[in-house]
Amino acid sequence: MEIFDVFVDMQATGDRIKQLRKEHNMRVFDLANALGLESEQAIYKWQRGQCLPNADNLVRLSILFGCHIEDILIHYTAGEDESPLLSFYRRFLYSFSTTR
Protein backbone atom coordinates (compact mmCIF):
# COMPACT_ATOMS: atom_id res chain seq x y z
CA MET A 1 0.00 0.00 0.00
CA GLU A 2 1.26 3.45 -0.90
CA ILE A 3 0.85 6.45 1.37
CA PHE A 4 -1.33 8.18 -1.23
CA ASP A 5 -3.81 5.29 -1.10
CA VAL A 6 -5.15 6.37 2.32
CA PHE A 7 -7.74 9.13 2.73
CA VAL A 8 -9.54 10.48 5.81
CA ASP A 9 -13.31 10.66 5.34
CA MET A 10 -14.46 13.86 7.07
CA GLN A 11 -18.14 12.88 7.13
CA ALA A 12 -17.50 9.43 8.57
CA THR A 13 -15.09 10.93 11.11
CA GLY A 14 -17.74 13.47 12.13
CA ASP A 15 -20.26 10.67 12.54
CA ARG A 16 -17.75 8.80 14.71
CA ILE A 17 -17.15 11.84 16.93
CA LYS A 18 -20.91 12.20 17.38
CA GLN A 19 -21.23 8.48 18.19
CA LEU A 20 -18.42 8.63 20.78
CA ARG A 21 -19.88 11.77 22.33
CA LYS A 22 -23.28 10.11 22.72
CA GLU A 23 -21.73 6.89 24.08
CA HIS A 24 -20.14 9.02 26.80
CA ASN A 25 -23.44 10.79 27.51
CA MET A 26 -22.02 14.17 26.56
CA ARG A 27 -23.90 17.06 25.04
CA VAL A 28 -22.15 19.19 22.43
CA PHE A 29 -21.90 21.90 25.09
CA ASP A 30 -20.19 19.46 27.49
CA LEU A 31 -17.66 18.37 24.87
CA ALA A 32 -16.84 21.96 23.92
CA ASN A 33 -16.26 22.82 27.59
CA ALA A 34 -14.11 19.73 28.13
CA LEU A 35 -11.93 20.75 25.16
CA GLY A 36 -11.72 24.36 26.33
CA LEU A 37 -13.53 25.71 23.28
CA GLU A 38 -15.34 29.05 23.53
CA SER A 39 -18.40 27.78 21.66
CA GLU A 40 -19.91 24.59 20.32
CA GLN A 41 -19.55 25.67 16.68
CA ALA A 42 -16.38 23.65 16.03
CA ILE A 43 -18.02 20.48 17.38
CA TYR A 44 -21.01 20.97 15.08
CA LYS A 45 -18.68 21.48 12.08
CA TRP A 46 -16.80 18.27 12.91
CA GLN A 47 -20.03 16.32 13.27
CA ARG A 48 -21.34 17.62 9.92
CA GLY A 49 -18.09 16.64 8.21
CA GLN A 50 -17.25 20.23 7.28
CA CYS A 51 -13.79 20.06 8.84
CA LEU A 52 -11.61 17.92 11.07
CA PRO A 53 -10.33 18.61 14.59
CA ASN A 54 -6.77 19.90 14.68
CA ALA A 55 -4.02 17.66 16.07
CA ASP A 56 -4.32 19.05 19.61
CA ASN A 57 -8.06 18.43 19.69
CA LEU A 58 -7.65 14.93 18.25
CA VAL A 59 -5.32 14.08 21.12
CA ARG A 60 -7.77 15.61 23.63
CA LEU A 61 -10.69 13.71 22.10
CA SER A 62 -8.77 10.43 22.30
CA ILE A 63 -8.03 11.07 25.99
CA LEU A 64 -11.63 12.07 26.76
CA PHE A 65 -13.08 9.06 24.95
CA GLY A 66 -10.38 6.63 26.10
CA CYS A 67 -9.41 5.53 22.61
CA HIS A 68 -6.69 5.94 20.00
CA ILE A 69 -6.76 8.73 17.45
CA GLU A 70 -7.10 6.02 14.79
CA ASP A 71 -10.41 5.07 16.42
CA ILE A 72 -11.69 8.61 15.79
CA LEU A 73 -10.37 9.24 12.28
CA ILE A 74 -12.19 7.14 9.72
CA HIS A 75 -10.11 6.46 6.65
CA TYR A 76 -10.37 4.53 3.43
CA THR A 77 -7.70 2.67 1.56
CA ALA A 78 -7.86 2.41 -2.21
CA GLY A 79 -9.85 -0.68 -3.12
CA GLU A 80 -12.06 -0.58 -0.01
CA ASP A 81 -15.55 0.84 0.09
CA GLU A 82 -14.36 4.19 -1.14
CA SER A 83 -15.28 7.71 -0.16
CA PRO A 84 -17.05 9.65 -2.93
CA LEU A 85 -14.18 12.17 -2.88
CA LEU A 86 -11.50 9.53 -3.38
CA SER A 87 -11.27 9.93 -7.16
CA PHE A 88 -10.92 13.70 -6.75
CA TYR A 89 -8.09 13.26 -4.22
CA ARG A 90 -6.33 10.75 -6.46
CA ARG A 91 -6.41 13.13 -9.44
CA PHE A 92 -5.21 16.00 -7.24
CA LEU A 93 -2.36 14.03 -5.67
CA TYR A 94 -1.34 12.57 -9.03
CA SER A 95 -1.18 16.00 -10.62
CA PHE A 96 0.78 17.31 -7.63
CA SER A 97 3.26 14.45 -7.64
CA THR A 98 3.91 14.65 -11.38
CA THR A 99 4.73 18.38 -11.28
CA ARG A 100 7.72 17.85 -9.00
PDB file of N, CA and C in Angstrom:
ATOM      1  N   MET A   1       0.838  -1.171   0.000  1.00  0.00           N
ATOM      2  CA  MET A   1       0.000   0.000   0.000  1.00  0.00           C
ATOM      3  C   MET A   1       0.889   1.243   0.000  1.00  0.00           C
ATOM      4  N   GLU A   2       0.527   2.199  -0.837  1.00  0.00           N
ATOM      5  CA  GLU A   2       1.256   3.454  -0.899  1.00  0.00           C
ATOM      6  C   GLU A   2       0.602   4.478   0.017  1.00  0.00           C
ATOM      7  N   ILE A   3       1.370   5.446   0.452  1.00  0.00           N
ATOM      8  CA  ILE A   3       0.853   6.453   1.371  1.00  0.00           C
ATOM      9  C   ILE A   3      -0.301   7.239   0.741  1.00  0.00           C
ATOM     10  N   PHE A   4      -0.279   7.420  -0.572  1.00  0.00           N
ATOM     11  CA  PHE A   4      -1.334   8.184  -1.233  1.00  0.00           C
ATOM     12  C   PHE A   4      -2.608   7.366  -1.447  1.00  0.00           C
ATOM     13  N   ASP A   5      -2.628   6.133  -0.984  1.00  0.00           N
ATOM     14  CA  ASP A   5      -3.812   5.292  -1.101  1.00  0.00           C
ATOM     15  C   ASP A   5      -4.734   5.403   0.114  1.00  0.00           C
ATOM     16  N   VAL A   6      -4.363   6.235   1.092  1.00  0.00           N
ATOM     17  CA  VAL A   6      -5.150   6.369   2.319  1.00  0.00           C
ATOM     18  C   VAL A   6      -5.729   7.772   2.392  1.00  0.00           C
ATOM     19  N   PHE A   7      -7.042   7.861   2.681  1.00  0.00           N
ATOM     20  CA  PHE A   7      -7.742   9.133   2.730  1.00  0.00           C
ATOM     21  C   PHE A   7      -8.656   9.176   3.950  1.00  0.00           C
ATOM     22  N   VAL A   8      -8.648  10.300   4.670  1.00  0.00           N
ATOM     23  CA  VAL A   8      -9.539  10.482   5.809  1.00  0.00           C
ATOM     24  C   VAL A   8     -10.889  10.945   5.282  1.00  0.00           C
ATOM     25  N   ASP A   9     -11.944  10.301   5.718  1.00  0.00           N
ATOM     26  CA  ASP A   9     -13.307  10.658   5.339  1.00  0.00           C
ATOM     27  C   ASP A   9     -13.861  11.587   6.419  1.00  0.00           C
ATOM     28  N   MET A  10     -14.021  12.873   6.084  1.00  0.00           N
ATOM     29  CA  MET A  10     -14.459  13.859   7.074  1.00  0.00           C
ATOM     30  C   MET A  10     -15.872  13.572   7.586  1.00  0.00           C
ATOM     31  N   GLN A  11     -16.765  13.155   6.706  1.00  0.00           N
ATOM     32  CA  GLN A  11     -18.138  12.884   7.131  1.00  0.00           C
ATOM     33  C   GLN A  11     -18.193  11.687   8.075  1.00  0.00           C
ATOM     34  N   ALA A  12     -17.510  10.624   7.715  1.00  0.00           N
ATOM     35  CA  ALA A  12     -17.499   9.431   8.569  1.00  0.00           C
ATOM     36  C   ALA A  12     -16.810   9.725   9.901  1.00  0.00           C
ATOM     37  N   THR A  13     -15.766  10.544   9.873  1.00  0.00           N
ATOM     38  CA  THR A  13     -15.090  10.929  11.115  1.00  0.00           C
ATOM     39  C   THR A  13     -16.019  11.759  11.985  1.00  0.00           C
ATOM     40  N   GLY A  14     -16.753  12.675  11.381  1.00  0.00           N
ATOM     41  CA  GLY A  14     -17.737  13.470  12.129  1.00  0.00           C
ATOM     42  C   GLY A  14     -18.806  12.597  12.757  1.00  0.00           C
ATOM     43  N   ASP A  15     -19.276  11.612  12.002  1.00  0.00           N
ATOM     44  CA  ASP A  15     -20.261  10.670  12.543  1.00  0.00           C
ATOM     45  C   ASP A  15     -19.683   9.901  13.728  1.00  0.00           C
ATOM     46  N   ARG A  16     -18.407   9.540  13.630  1.00  0.00           N
ATOM     47  CA  ARG A  16     -17.749   8.800  14.711  1.00  0.00           C
ATOM     48  C   ARG A  16     -17.607   9.666  15.961  1.00  0.00           C
ATOM     49  N   ILE A  17     -17.248  10.933  15.793  1.00  0.00           N
ATOM     50  CA  ILE A  17     -17.151  11.842  16.934  1.00  0.00           C
ATOM     51  C   ILE A  17     -18.507  11.968  17.616  1.00  0.00           C
ATOM     52  N   LYS A  18     -19.557  12.101  16.825  1.00  0.00           N
ATOM     53  CA  LYS A  18     -20.912  12.197  17.381  1.00  0.00           C
ATOM     54  C   LYS A  18     -21.274  10.922  18.138  1.00  0.00           C
ATOM     55  N   GLN A  19     -20.947   9.771  17.552  1.00  0.00           N
ATOM     56  CA  GLN A  19     -21.227   8.485  18.191  1.00  0.00           C
ATOM     57  C   GLN A  19     -20.495   8.372  19.531  1.00  0.00           C
ATOM     58  N   LEU A  20     -19.203   8.704  19.543  1.00  0.00           N
ATOM     59  CA  LEU A  20     -18.419   8.625  20.779  1.00  0.00           C
ATOM     60  C   LEU A  20     -18.954   9.594  21.831  1.00  0.00           C
ATOM     61  N   ARG A  21     -19.323  10.787  21.401  1.00  0.00           N
ATOM     62  CA  ARG A  21     -19.885  11.774  22.326  1.00  0.00           C
ATOM     63  C   ARG A  21     -21.155  11.234  22.984  1.00  0.00           C
ATOM     64  N   LYS A  22     -22.027  10.661  22.190  1.00  0.00           N
ATOM     65  CA  LYS A  22     -23.284  10.112  22.721  1.00  0.00           C
ATOM     66  C   LYS A  22     -23.030   8.903  23.623  1.00  0.00           C
ATOM     67  N   GLU A  23     -22.067   8.044  23.241  1.00  0.00           N
ATOM     68  CA  GLU A  23     -21.733   6.886  24.079  1.00  0.00           C
ATOM     69  C   GLU A  23     -21.243   7.314  25.455  1.00  0.00           C
ATOM     70  N   HIS A  24     -20.641   8.498  25.528  1.00  0.00           N
ATOM     71  CA  HIS A  24     -20.140   9.020  26.798  1.00  0.00           C
ATOM     72  C   HIS A  24     -21.125   9.997  27.444  1.00  0.00           C
ATOM     73  N   ASN A  25     -22.363   9.963  26.955  1.00  0.00           N
ATOM     74  CA  ASN A  25     -23.444  10.787  27.506  1.00  0.00           C
ATOM     75  C   ASN A  25     -23.054  12.255  27.631  1.00  0.00           C
ATOM     76  N   MET A  26     -22.438  12.767  26.581  1.00  0.00           N
ATOM     77  CA  MET A  26     -22.023  14.170  26.562  1.00  0.00           C
ATOM     78  C   MET A  26     -22.865  14.942  25.565  1.00  0.00           C
ATOM     79  N   ARG A  27     -23.266  16.128  25.970  1.00  0.00           N
ATOM     80  CA  ARG A  27     -23.897  17.058  25.039  1.00  0.00           C
ATOM     81  C   ARG A  27     -22.782  17.781  24.290  1.00  0.00           C
ATOM     82  N   VAL A  28     -23.131  18.416  23.188  1.00  0.00           N
ATOM     83  CA  VAL A  28     -22.146  19.188  22.434  1.00  0.00           C
ATOM     84  C   VAL A  28     -21.539  20.255  23.340  1.00  0.00           C
ATOM     85  N   PHE A  29     -22.365  20.889  24.146  1.00  0.00           N
ATOM     86  CA  PHE A  29     -21.896  21.903  25.094  1.00  0.00           C
ATOM     87  C   PHE A  29     -20.853  21.319  26.047  1.00  0.00           C
ATOM     88  N   ASP A  30     -21.120  20.118  26.560  1.00  0.00           N
ATOM     89  CA  ASP A  30     -20.187  19.462  27.488  1.00  0.00           C
ATOM     90  C   ASP A  30     -18.841  19.181  26.820  1.00  0.00           C
ATOM     91  N   LEU A  31     -18.890  18.691  25.586  1.00  0.00           N
ATOM     92  CA  LEU A  31     -17.656  18.375  24.875  1.00  0.00           C
ATOM     93  C   LEU A  31     -16.855  19.639  24.592  1.00  0.00           C
ATOM     94  N   ALA A  32     -17.533  20.692  24.172  1.00  0.00           N
ATOM     95  CA  ALA A  32     -16.844  21.960  23.915  1.00  0.00           C
ATOM     96  C   ALA A  32     -16.168  22.469  25.190  1.00  0.00           C
ATOM     97  N   ASN A  33     -16.856  22.384  26.314  1.00  0.00           N
ATOM     98  CA  ASN A  33     -16.261  22.815  27.588  1.00  0.00           C
ATOM     99  C   ASN A  33     -15.069  21.948  27.967  1.00  0.00           C
ATOM    100  N   ALA A  34     -15.191  20.642  27.781  1.00  0.00           N
ATOM    101  CA  ALA A  34     -14.105  19.730  28.133  1.00  0.00           C
ATOM    102  C   ALA A  34     -12.856  20.002  27.294  1.00  0.00           C
ATOM    103  N   LEU A  35     -13.056  20.458  26.053  1.00  0.00           N
ATOM    104  CA  LEU A  35     -11.934  20.748  25.163  1.00  0.00           C
ATOM    105  C   LEU A  35     -11.434  22.182  25.314  1.00  0.00           C
ATOM    106  N   GLY A  36     -12.126  22.973  26.132  1.00  0.00           N
ATOM    107  CA  GLY A  36     -11.717  24.356  26.330  1.00  0.00           C
ATOM    108  C   GLY A  36     -12.077  25.268  25.171  1.00  0.00           C
ATOM    109  N   LEU A  37     -13.091  24.888  24.402  1.00  0.00           N
ATOM    110  CA  LEU A  37     -13.527  25.713  23.276  1.00  0.00           C
ATOM    111  C   LEU A  37     -14.491  26.790  23.762  1.00  0.00           C
ATOM    112  N   GLU A  38     -14.476  27.945  23.115  1.00  0.00           N
ATOM    113  CA  GLU A  38     -15.337  29.049  23.531  1.00  0.00           C
ATOM    114  C   GLU A  38     -16.793  28.842  23.139  1.00  0.00           C
ATOM    115  N   SER A  39     -17.024  28.060  22.088  1.00  0.00           N
ATOM    116  CA  SER A  39     -18.398  27.782  21.664  1.00  0.00           C
ATOM    117  C   SER A  39     -18.477  26.355  21.132  1.00  0.00           C
ATOM    118  N   GLU A  40     -19.685  25.939  20.824  1.00  0.00           N
ATOM    119  CA  GLU A  40     -19.909  24.587  20.318  1.00  0.00           C
ATOM    120  C   GLU A  40     -19.749  24.499  18.802  1.00  0.00           C
ATOM    121  N   GLN A  41     -19.543  25.623  18.140  1.00  0.00           N
ATOM    122  CA  GLN A  41     -19.549  25.674  16.676  1.00  0.00           C
ATOM    123  C   GLN A  41     -18.565  24.690  16.047  1.00  0.00           C
ATOM    124  N   ALA A  42     -17.374  24.579  16.598  1.00  0.00           N
ATOM    125  CA  ALA A  42     -16.379  23.650  16.031  1.00  0.00           C
ATOM    126  C   ALA A  42     -16.880  22.211  16.099  1.00  0.00           C
ATOM    127  N   ILE A  43     -17.502  21.848  17.220  1.00  0.00           N
ATOM    128  CA  ILE A  43     -18.023  20.482  17.376  1.00  0.00           C
ATOM    129  C   ILE A  43     -19.071  20.196  16.301  1.00  0.00           C
ATOM    130  N   TYR A  44     -19.983  21.157  16.103  1.00  0.00           N
ATOM    131  CA  TYR A  44     -21.014  20.973  15.080  1.00  0.00           C
ATOM    132  C   TYR A  44     -20.390  20.823  13.693  1.00  0.00           C
ATOM    133  N   LYS A  45     -19.349  21.594  13.382  1.00  0.00           N
ATOM    134  CA  LYS A  45     -18.682  21.483  12.081  1.00  0.00           C
ATOM    135  C   LYS A  45     -18.024  20.120  11.916  1.00  0.00           C
ATOM    136  N   TRP A  46     -17.403  19.615  12.980  1.00  0.00           N
ATOM    137  CA  TRP A  46     -16.801  18.272  12.906  1.00  0.00           C
ATOM    138  C   TRP A  46     -17.875  17.241  12.628  1.00  0.00           C
ATOM    139  N   GLN A  47     -18.967  17.316  13.381  1.00  0.00           N
ATOM    140  CA  GLN A  47     -20.032  16.315  13.265  1.00  0.00           C
ATOM    141  C   GLN A  47     -20.720  16.356  11.912  1.00  0.00           C
ATOM    142  N   ARG A  48     -20.743  17.514  11.261  1.00  0.00           N
ATOM    143  CA  ARG A  48     -21.338  17.624   9.919  1.00  0.00           C
ATOM    144  C   ARG A  48     -20.346  17.255   8.826  1.00  0.00           C
ATOM    145  N   GLY A  49     -19.094  16.994   9.195  1.00  0.00           N
ATOM    146  CA  GLY A  49     -18.086  16.639   8.212  1.00  0.00           C
ATOM    147  C   GLY A  49     -17.572  17.826   7.424  1.00  0.00           C
ATOM    148  N   GLN A  50     -17.715  19.026   7.969  1.00  0.00           N
ATOM    149  CA  GLN A  50     -17.247  20.228   7.280  1.00  0.00           C
ATOM    150  C   GLN A  50     -15.753  20.455   7.485  1.00  0.00           C
ATOM    151  N   CYS A  51     -15.219  19.956   8.572  1.00  0.00           N
ATOM    152  CA  CYS A  51     -13.793  20.063   8.841  1.00  0.00           C
ATOM    153  C   CYS A  51     -13.414  19.007   9.874  1.00  0.00           C
ATOM    154  N   LEU A  52     -12.124  18.884  10.105  1.00  0.00           N
ATOM    155  CA  LEU A  52     -11.609  17.918  11.075  1.00  0.00           C
ATOM    156  C   LEU A  52     -11.027  18.650  12.277  1.00  0.00           C
ATOM    157  N   PRO A  53     -11.017  18.019  13.440  1.00  0.00           N
ATOM    158  CA  PRO A  53     -10.331  18.613  14.591  1.00  0.00           C
ATOM    159  C   PRO A  53      -8.836  18.742  14.293  1.00  0.00           C
ATOM    160  N   ASN A  54      -8.211  19.778  14.853  1.00  0.00           N
ATOM    161  CA  ASN A  54      -6.766  19.902  14.684  1.00  0.00           C
ATOM    162  C   ASN A  54      -6.075  18.822  15.522  1.00  0.00           C
ATOM    163  N   ALA A  55      -4.775  18.720  15.391  1.00  0.00           N
ATOM    164  CA  ALA A  55      -4.022  17.657  16.066  1.00  0.00           C
ATOM    165  C   ALA A  55      -4.190  17.717  17.582  1.00  0.00           C
ATOM    166  N   ASP A  56      -4.147  18.923  18.155  1.00  0.00           N
ATOM    167  CA  ASP A  56      -4.324  19.054  19.608  1.00  0.00           C
ATOM    168  C   ASP A  56      -5.674  18.521  20.048  1.00  0.00           C
ATOM    169  N   ASN A  57      -6.720  18.886  19.313  1.00  0.00           N
ATOM    170  CA  ASN A  57      -8.059  18.428  19.694  1.00  0.00           C
ATOM    171  C   ASN A  57      -8.257  16.945  19.446  1.00  0.00           C
ATOM    172  N   LEU A  58      -7.585  16.387  18.448  1.00  0.00           N
ATOM    173  CA  LEU A  58      -7.654  14.935  18.250  1.00  0.00           C
ATOM    174  C   LEU A  58      -7.050  14.200  19.445  1.00  0.00           C
ATOM    175  N   VAL A  59      -5.932  14.703  19.942  1.00  0.00           N
ATOM    176  CA  VAL A  59      -5.318  14.084  21.123  1.00  0.00           C
ATOM    177  C   VAL A  59      -6.263  14.216  22.317  1.00  0.00           C
ATOM    178  N   ARG A  60      -6.839  15.400  22.509  1.00  0.00           N
ATOM    179  CA  ARG A  60      -7.768  15.614  23.630  1.00  0.00           C
ATOM    180  C   ARG A  60      -8.994  14.719  23.509  1.00  0.00           C
ATOM    181  N   LEU A  61      -9.534  14.588  22.300  1.00  0.00           N
ATOM    182  CA  LEU A  61     -10.685  13.707  22.098  1.00  0.00           C
ATOM    183  C   LEU A  61     -10.335  12.268  22.445  1.00  0.00           C
ATOM    184  N   SER A  62      -9.160  11.823  22.024  1.00  0.00           N
ATOM    185  CA  SER A  62      -8.772  10.430  22.304  1.00  0.00           C
ATOM    186  C   SER A  62      -8.635  10.201  23.804  1.00  0.00           C
ATOM    187  N   ILE A  63      -8.141  11.200  24.532  1.00  0.00           N
ATOM    188  CA  ILE A  63      -8.032  11.071  25.987  1.00  0.00           C
ATOM    189  C   ILE A  63      -9.415  11.063  26.621  1.00  0.00           C
ATOM    190  N   LEU A  64     -10.269  11.996  26.207  1.00  0.00           N
ATOM    191  CA  LEU A  64     -11.631  12.069  26.763  1.00  0.00           C
ATOM    192  C   LEU A  64     -12.422  10.779  26.526  1.00  0.00           C
ATOM    193  N   PHE A  65     -12.294  10.239  25.314  1.00  0.00           N
ATOM    194  CA  PHE A  65     -13.079   9.063  24.954  1.00  0.00           C
ATOM    195  C   PHE A  65     -12.359   7.751  25.276  1.00  0.00           C
ATOM    196  N   GLY A  66     -11.118   7.835  25.737  1.00  0.00           N
ATOM    197  CA  GLY A  66     -10.381   6.634  26.101  1.00  0.00           C
ATOM    198  C   GLY A  66     -10.090   5.727  24.920  1.00  0.00           C
ATOM    199  N   CYS A  67      -9.695   6.323  23.810  1.00  0.00           N
ATOM    200  CA  CYS A  67      -9.414   5.531  22.610  1.00  0.00           C
ATOM    201  C   CYS A  67      -8.203   6.116  21.890  1.00  0.00           C
ATOM    202  N   HIS A  68      -7.799   5.458  20.828  1.00  0.00           N
ATOM    203  CA  HIS A  68      -6.694   5.938  20.005  1.00  0.00           C
ATOM    204  C   HIS A  68      -7.227   6.920  18.969  1.00  0.00           C
ATOM    205  N   ILE A  69      -6.365   7.787  18.503  1.00  0.00           N
ATOM    206  CA  ILE A  69      -6.759   8.726  17.448  1.00  0.00           C
ATOM    207  C   ILE A  69      -7.268   7.969  16.226  1.00  0.00           C
ATOM    208  N   GLU A  70      -6.665   6.823  15.939  1.00  0.00           N
ATOM    209  CA  GLU A  70      -7.098   6.019  14.794  1.00  0.00           C
ATOM    210  C   GLU A  70      -8.534   5.530  14.949  1.00  0.00           C
ATOM    211  N   ASP A  71      -9.027   5.470  16.183  1.00  0.00           N
ATOM    212  CA  ASP A  71     -10.409   5.068  16.415  1.00  0.00           C
ATOM    213  C   ASP A  71     -11.381   6.211  16.153  1.00  0.00           C
ATOM    214  N   ILE A  72     -10.858   7.433  16.050  1.00  0.00           N
ATOM    215  CA  ILE A  72     -11.687   8.608  15.787  1.00  0.00           C
ATOM    216  C   ILE A  72     -11.681   8.930  14.294  1.00  0.00           C
ATOM    217  N   LEU A  73     -10.495   8.944  13.705  1.00  0.00           N
ATOM    218  CA  LEU A  73     -10.372   9.244  12.280  1.00  0.00           C
ATOM    219  C   LEU A  73     -10.785   8.030  11.461  1.00  0.00           C
ATOM    220  N   ILE A  74     -11.738   8.218  10.591  1.00  0.00           N
ATOM    221  CA  ILE A  74     -12.192   7.140   9.720  1.00  0.00           C
ATOM    222  C   ILE A  74     -11.531   7.339   8.364  1.00  0.00           C
ATOM    223  N   HIS A  75     -10.819   6.339   7.906  1.00  0.00           N
ATOM    224  CA  HIS A  75     -10.111   6.463   6.645  1.00  0.00           C
ATOM    225  C   HIS A  75     -10.461   5.314   5.709  1.00  0.00           C
ATOM    226  N   TYR A  76     -10.162   5.540   4.456  1.00  0.00           N
ATOM    227  CA  TYR A  76     -10.365   4.530   3.426  1.00  0.00           C
ATOM    228  C   TYR A  76      -9.044   4.271   2.735  1.00  0.00           C
ATOM    229  N   THR A  77      -8.850   3.050   2.354  1.00  0.00           N
ATOM    230  CA  THR A  77      -7.697   2.672   1.562  1.00  0.00           C
ATOM    231  C   THR A  77      -8.199   2.330   0.168  1.00  0.00           C
ATOM    232  N   ALA A  78      -7.461   2.712  -0.835  1.00  0.00           N
ATOM    233  CA  ALA A  78      -7.857   2.413  -2.214  1.00  0.00           C
ATOM    234  C   ALA A  78      -8.245   0.945  -2.330  1.00  0.00           C
ATOM    235  N   GLY A  79      -9.374   0.683  -2.947  1.00  0.00           N
ATOM    236  CA  GLY A  79      -9.845  -0.679  -3.117  1.00  0.00           C
ATOM    237  C   GLY A  79     -10.906  -1.061  -2.092  1.00  0.00           C
ATOM    238  N   GLU A  80     -10.995  -0.323  -0.982  1.00  0.00           N
ATOM    239  CA  GLU A  80     -12.055  -0.577  -0.009  1.00  0.00           C
ATOM    240  C   GLU A  80     -13.322   0.137  -0.467  1.00  0.00           C
ATOM    241  N   ASP A  81     -14.339   0.085   0.348  1.00  0.00           N
ATOM    242  CA  ASP A  81     -15.554   0.837   0.091  1.00  0.00           C
ATOM    243  C   ASP A  81     -15.165   2.314   0.123  1.00  0.00           C
ATOM    244  N   GLU A  82     -15.032   2.914  -1.035  1.00  0.00           N
ATOM    245  CA  GLU A  82     -14.364   4.191  -1.144  1.00  0.00           C
ATOM    246  C   GLU A  82     -15.262   5.385  -0.876  1.00  0.00           C
ATOM    247  N   SER A  83     -14.636   6.420  -0.357  1.00  0.00           N
ATOM    248  CA  SER A  83     -15.280   7.706  -0.162  1.00  0.00           C
ATOM    249  C   SER A  83     -15.619   8.287  -1.529  1.00  0.00           C
ATOM    250  N   PRO A  84     -16.715   9.036  -1.642  1.00  0.00           N
ATOM    251  CA  PRO A  84     -17.048   9.651  -2.928  1.00  0.00           C
ATOM    252  C   PRO A  84     -15.988  10.645  -3.413  1.00  0.00           C
ATOM    253  N   LEU A  85     -15.200  11.192  -2.503  1.00  0.00           N
ATOM    254  CA  LEU A  85     -14.180  12.166  -2.883  1.00  0.00           C
ATOM    255  C   LEU A  85     -12.851  11.520  -3.263  1.00  0.00           C
ATOM    256  N   LEU A  86     -12.766  10.211  -3.150  1.00  0.00           N
ATOM    257  CA  LEU A  86     -11.502   9.531  -3.378  1.00  0.00           C
ATOM    258  C   LEU A  86     -10.951   9.774  -4.778  1.00  0.00           C
ATOM    259  N   SER A  87     -11.779   9.716  -5.802  1.00  0.00           N
ATOM    260  CA  SER A  87     -11.275   9.930  -7.160  1.00  0.00           C
ATOM    261  C   SER A  87     -10.755  11.355  -7.330  1.00  0.00           C
ATOM    262  N   PHE A  88     -11.413  12.322  -6.705  1.00  0.00           N
ATOM    263  CA  PHE A  88     -10.924  13.704  -6.748  1.00  0.00           C
ATOM    264  C   PHE A  88      -9.549  13.798  -6.114  1.00  0.00           C
ATOM    265  N   TYR A  89      -9.371  13.223  -4.914  1.00  0.00           N
ATOM    266  CA  TYR A  89      -8.089  13.259  -4.222  1.00  0.00           C
ATOM    267  C   TYR A  89      -6.993  12.573  -5.037  1.00  0.00           C
ATOM    268  N   ARG A  90      -7.327  11.469  -5.648  1.00  0.00           N
ATOM    269  CA  ARG A  90      -6.334  10.748  -6.461  1.00  0.00           C
ATOM    270  C   ARG A  90      -5.844  11.624  -7.606  1.00  0.00           C
ATOM    271  N   ARG A  91      -6.802  12.267  -8.318  1.00  0.00           N
ATOM    272  CA  ARG A  91      -6.405  13.128  -9.435  1.00  0.00           C
ATOM    273  C   ARG A  91      -5.545  14.284  -8.939  1.00  0.00           C
ATOM    274  N   PHE A  92      -5.952  14.881  -7.810  1.00  0.00           N
ATOM    275  CA  PHE A  92      -5.207  16.003  -7.241  1.00  0.00           C
ATOM    276  C   PHE A  92      -3.792  15.577  -6.856  1.00  0.00           C
ATOM    277  N   LEU A  93      -3.678  14.484  -6.121  1.00  0.00           N
ATOM    278  CA  LEU A  93      -2.363  14.027  -5.673  1.00  0.00           C
ATOM    279  C   LEU A  93      -1.496  13.594  -6.845  1.00  0.00           C
ATOM    280  N   TYR A  94      -2.107  12.969  -7.849  1.00  0.00           N
ATOM    281  CA  TYR A  94      -1.342  12.569  -9.028  1.00  0.00           C
ATOM    282  C   TYR A  94      -0.801  13.792  -9.743  1.00  0.00           C
ATOM    283  N   SER A  95      -1.642  14.805  -9.930  1.00  0.00           N
ATOM    284  CA  SER A  95      -1.178  16.005 -10.621  1.00  0.00           C
ATOM    285  C   SER A  95      -0.104  16.721  -9.816  1.00  0.00           C
ATOM    286  N   PHE A  96      -0.224  16.699  -8.497  1.00  0.00           N
ATOM    287  CA  PHE A  96       0.776  17.314  -7.625  1.00  0.00           C
ATOM    288  C   PHE A  96       2.097  16.567  -7.693  1.00  0.00           C
ATOM    289  N   SER A  97       2.028  15.239  -7.659  1.00  0.00           N
ATOM    290  CA  SER A  97       3.263  14.445  -7.640  1.00  0.00           C
ATOM    291  C   SER A  97       3.975  14.450  -8.985  1.00  0.00           C
ATOM    292  N   THR A  98       3.263  14.661 -10.077  1.00  0.00           N
ATOM    293  CA  THR A  98       3.908  14.653 -11.381  1.00  0.00           C
ATOM    294  C   THR A  98       4.511  16.000 -11.743  1.00  0.00           C
ATOM    295  N   THR A  99       4.173  17.055 -10.993  1.00  0.00           N
ATOM    296  CA  THR A  99       4.727  18.375 -11.279  1.00  0.00           C
ATOM    297  C   THR A  99       6.044  18.612 -10.581  1.00  0.00           C
ATOM    298  N   ARG A 100       6.470  17.692  -9.731  1.00  0.00           N
ATOM    299  CA  ARG A 100       7.724  17.850  -9.002  1.00  0.00           C
ATOM    300  C   ARG A 100       8.871  17.258  -9.726  1.00  0.00           C
TER     301      ARG A 100
END
